[in-house]
Amino acid sequence: MVFPSIGIAILRNAALRRSLLRNFTTEKKFLSYADSFLQKERP
């Protein structure tokens, strides 16, 4: 698996971690929006 080593590299790189955190919060907002949209679409 490649993911754990990528995770370790991210943990070591603070600047990358900050940018990823920014992307992650944006993604979380998008996912919660998509989730509420799906809740409305479901009968």
PDB file of N, CA and C in Angstrom:
ATOM      1  N   MET A   1       0.834  -1.210   0.000  1.00  0.00           N
ATOM      2  CA  MET A   1       0.000   0.000   0.000  1.00  0.00           C
ATOM      3  C   MET A   1       0.869   1.261   0.000  1.00  0.00           C
ATOM      4  N   VAL A   2       0.468   2.228  -0.785  1.00  0.00           N
ATOM      5  CA  VAL A   2       1.234   3.460  -0.922  1.00  0.00           C
ATOM      6  C   VAL A   2       0.787   4.507   0.091  1.00  0.00           C
ATOM      7  N   PHE A   3      -0.479   4.426   0.506  1.00  0.00           N
ATOM      8  CA  PHE A   3      -1.074   5.490   1.307  1.00  0.00           C
ATOM      9  C   PHE A   3      -0.356   5.804   2.617  1.00  0.00           C
ATOM     10  N   PRO A   4       0.032   4.799   3.435  1.00  0.00           N
ATOM     11  CA  PRO A   4       0.692   5.115   4.713  1.00  0.00           C
ATOM     12  C   PRO A   4       1.962   5.939   4.539  1.00  0.00           C
ATOM     13  N   SER A   5       2.783   5.608   3.541  1.00  0.00           N
ATOM     14  CA  SER A   5       4.016   6.379   3.338  1.00  0.00           C
ATOM     15  C   SER A   5       3.703   7.809   2.907  1.00  0.00           C
ATOM     16  N   ILE A   6       2.654   7.973   2.103  1.00  0.00           N
ATOM     17  CA  ILE A   6       2.225   9.324   1.729  1.00  0.00           C
ATOM     18  C   ILE A   6       1.783  10.084   2.980  1.00  0.00           C
ATOM     19  N   GLY A   7       1.036   9.415   3.840  1.00  0.00           N
ATOM     20  CA  GLY A   7       0.584  10.034   5.083  1.00  0.00           C
ATOM     21  C   GLY A   7       1.751  10.480   5.952  1.00  0.00           C
ATOM     22  N   ILE A   8       2.794   9.654   6.037  1.00  0.00           N
ATOM     23  CA  ILE A   8       3.982  10.003   6.831  1.00  0.00           C
ATOM     24  C   ILE A   8       4.675  11.214   6.230  1.00  0.00           C
ATOM     25  N   ALA A   9       4.781  11.245   4.893  1.00  0.00           N
ATOM     26  CA  ALA A   9       5.412  12.387   4.228  1.00  0.00           C
ATOM     27  C   ALA A   9       4.624  13.666   4.493  1.00  0.00           C
ATOM     28  N   ILE A  10       3.300  13.559   4.459  1.00  0.00           N
ATOM     29  CA  ILE A  10       2.444  14.718   4.724  1.00  0.00           C
ATOM     30  C   ILE A  10       2.631  15.196   6.164  1.00  0.00           C
ATOM     31  N   LEU A  11       2.690  14.250   7.104  1.00  0.00           N
ATOM     32  CA  LEU A  11       2.882  14.629   8.506  1.00  0.00           C
ATOM     33  C   LEU A  11       4.216  15.341   8.708  1.00  0.00           C
ATOM     34  N   ARG A  12       5.226  14.969   7.911  1.00  0.00           N
ATOM     35  CA  ARG A  12       6.539  15.605   8.050  1.00  0.00           C
ATOM     36  C   ARG A  12       6.554  16.986   7.427  1.00  0.00           C
ATOM     37  N   ASN A  13       5.714  17.216   6.416  1.00  0.00           N
ATOM     38  CA  ASN A  13       5.773  18.471   5.677  1.00  0.00           C
ATOM     39  C   ASN A  13       4.656  19.399   6.149  1.00  0.00           C
ATOM     40  N   ALA A  14       5.003  20.371   6.980  1.00  0.00           N
ATOM     41  CA  ALA A  14       4.004  21.235   7.611  1.00  0.00           C
ATOM     42  C   ALA A  14       3.267  22.108   6.596  1.00  0.00           C
ATOM     43  N   ALA A  15       3.984  22.642   5.626  1.00  0.00           N
ATOM     44  CA  ALA A  15       3.351  23.516   4.632  1.00  0.00           C
ATOM     45  C   ALA A  15       2.341  22.735   3.801  1.00  0.00           C
ATOM     46  N   LEU A  16       2.741  21.547   3.397  1.00  0.00           N
ATOM     47  CA  LEU A  16       1.834  20.675   2.651  1.00  0.00           C
ATOM     48  C   LEU A  16       0.618  20.325   3.493  1.00  0.00           C
ATOM     49  N   ARG A  17       0.871  20.060   4.783  1.00  0.00           N
ATOM     50  CA  ARG A  17      -0.219  19.725   5.691  1.00  0.00           C
ATOM     51  C   ARG A  17      -1.204  20.884   5.800  1.00  0.00           C
ATOM     52  N   ARG A  18      -0.696  22.125   5.881  1.00  0.00           N
ATOM     53  CA  ARG A  18      -1.584  23.282   5.972  1.00  0.00           C
ATOM     54  C   ARG A  18      -2.444  23.422   4.726  1.00  0.00           C
ATOM     55  N   SER A  19      -1.830  23.274   3.551  1.00  0.00           N
ATOM     56  CA  SER A  19      -2.599  23.406   2.308  1.00  0.00           C
ATOM     57  C   SER A  19      -3.624  22.280   2.205  1.00  0.00           C
ATOM     58  N   LEU A  20      -3.235  21.078   2.624  1.00  0.00           N
ATOM     59  CA  LEU A  20      -4.167  19.959   2.590  1.00  0.00           C
ATOM     60  C   LEU A  20      -5.321  20.180   3.559  1.00  0.00           C
ATOM     61  N   LEU A  21      -5.006  20.754   4.739  1.00  0.00           N
ATOM     62  CA  LEU A  21      -6.065  21.061   5.697  1.00  0.00           C
ATOM     63  C   LEU A  21      -7.051  22.064   5.120  1.00  0.00           C
ATOM     64  N   ARG A  22      -6.531  23.077   4.412  1.00  0.00           N
ATOM     65  CA  ARG A  22      -7.401  24.050   3.769  1.00  0.00           C
ATOM     66  C   ARG A  22      -8.288  23.368   2.739  1.00  0.00           C
ATOM     67  N   ASN A  23      -7.676  22.498   1.916  1.00  0.00           N
ATOM     68  CA  ASN A  23      -8.452  21.758   0.927  1.00  0.00           C
ATOM     69  C   ASN A  23      -9.457  20.839   1.601  1.00  0.00           C
ATOM     70  N   PHE A  24      -9.056  20.243   2.736  1.00  0.00           N
ATOM     71  CA  PHE A  24      -9.917  19.293   3.426  1.00  0.00           C
ATOM     72  C   PHE A  24     -11.160  19.977   3.989  1.00  0.00           C
ATOM     73  N   THR A  25     -10.989  21.172   4.571  1.00  0.00           N
ATOM     74  CA  THR A  25     -12.147  21.878   5.114  1.00  0.00           C
ATOM     75  C   THR A  25     -13.087  22.288   3.993  1.00  0.00           C
ATOM     76  N   THR A  26     -12.535  22.722   2.852  1.00  0.00           N
ATOM     77  CA  THR A  26     -13.364  23.053   1.698  1.00  0.00           C
ATOM     78  C   THR A  26     -14.104  21.813   1.226  1.00  0.00           C
ATOM     79  N   GLU A  27     -13.386  20.688   1.188  1.00  0.00           N
ATOM     80  CA  GLU A  27     -13.986  19.440   0.747  1.00  0.00           C
ATOM     81  C   GLU A  27     -15.087  19.002   1.706  1.00  0.00           C
ATOM     82  N   LYS A  28     -14.856  19.195   3.023  1.00  0.00           N
ATOM     83  CA  LYS A  28     -15.870  18.837   4.011  1.00  0.00           C
ATOM     84  C   LYS A  28     -17.132  19.675   3.817  1.00  0.00           C
ATOM     85  N   LYS A  29     -16.951  20.980   3.544  1.00  0.00           N
ATOM     86  CA  LYS A  29     -18.108  21.834   3.272  1.00  0.00           C
ATOM     87  C   LYS A  29     -18.857  21.319   2.051  1.00  0.00           C
ATOM     88  N   PHE A  30     -18.110  20.980   1.006  1.00  0.00           N
ATOM     89  CA  PHE A  30     -18.725  20.471  -0.214  1.00  0.00           C
ATOM     90  C   PHE A  30     -19.445  19.154   0.044  1.00  0.00           C
ATOM     91  N   LEU A  31     -18.804  18.266   0.832  1.00  0.00           N
ATOM     92  CA  LEU A  31     -19.408  16.969   1.105  1.00  0.00           C
ATOM     93  C   LEU A  31     -20.672  17.111   1.940  1.00  0.00           C
ATOM     94  N   SER A  32     -20.675  18.021   2.910  1.00  0.00           N
ATOM     95  CA  SER A  32     -21.881  18.219   3.716  1.00  0.00           C
ATOM     96  C   SER A  32     -22.993  18.812   2.855  1.00  0.00           C
ATOM     97  N   TYR A  33     -22.616  19.702   1.916  1.00  0.00           N
ATOM     98  CA  TYR A  33     -23.596  20.259   0.980  1.00  0.00           C
ATOM     99  C   TYR A  33     -24.157  19.154   0.097  1.00  0.00           C
ATOM    100  N   ALA A  34     -23.276  18.315  -0.449  1.00  0.00           N
ATOM    101  CA  ALA A  34     -23.710  17.215  -1.305  1.00  0.00           C
ATOM    102  C   ALA A  34     -24.590  16.243  -0.511  1.00  0.00           C
ATOM    103  N   ASP A  35     -24.224  16.009   0.741  1.00  0.00           N
ATOM    104  CA  ASP A  35     -24.983  15.093   1.585  1.00  0.00           C
ATOM    105  C   ASP A  35     -26.389  15.631   1.841  1.00  0.00           C
ATOM    106  N   SER A  36     -26.505  16.920   2.157  1.00  0.00           N
ATOM    107  CA  SER A  36     -27.833  17.499   2.388  1.00  0.00           C
ATOM    108  C   SER A  36     -28.649  17.472   1.092  1.00  0.00           C
ATOM    109  N   PHE A  37     -27.975  17.681  -0.043  1.00  0.00           N
ATOM    110  CA  PHE A  37     -28.663  17.611  -1.334  1.00  0.00           C
ATOM    111  C   PHE A  37     -29.201  16.203  -1.565  1.00  0.00           C
ATOM    112  N   LEU A  38     -28.381  15.193  -1.252  1.00  0.00           N
ATOM    113  CA  LEU A  38     -28.818  13.812  -1.426  1.00  0.00           C
ATOM    114  C   LEU A  38     -29.965  13.476  -0.474  1.00  0.00           C
ATOM    115  N   GLN A  39     -29.910  14.023   0.730  1.00  0.00           N
ATOM    116  CA  GLN A  39     -30.999  13.792   1.679  1.00  0.00           C
ATOM    117  C   GLN A  39     -32.315  14.332   1.113  1.00  0.00           C
ATOM    118  N   LYS A  40     -32.260  15.498   0.461  1.00  0.00           N
ATOM    119  CA  LYS A  40     -33.468  16.084  -0.132  1.00  0.00           C
ATOM    120  C   LYS A  40     -33.958  15.252  -1.306  1.00  0.00           C
ATOM    121  N   GLU A  41     -32.996  14.721  -2.086  1.00  0.00           N
ATOM    122  CA  GLU A  41     -33.367  13.953  -3.274  1.00  0.00           C
ATOM    123  C   GLU A  41     -34.002  12.616  -2.908  1.00  0.00           C
ATOM    124  N   ARG A  42     -33.571  12.034  -1.803  1.00  0.00           N
ATOM    125  CA  ARG A  42     -34.097  10.728  -1.396  1.00  0.00           C
ATOM    126  C   ARG A  42     -35.547  10.859  -0.925  1.00  0.00           C
ATOM    127  N   PRO A  43     -36.380   9.915  -1.319  1.00  0.00           N
ATOM    128  CA  PRO A  43     -37.792   9.976  -0.874  1.00  0.00           C
ATOM    129  C   PRO A  43     -37.967   9.652   0.615  1.00  0.00           C
TER     130      PRO A  43
END
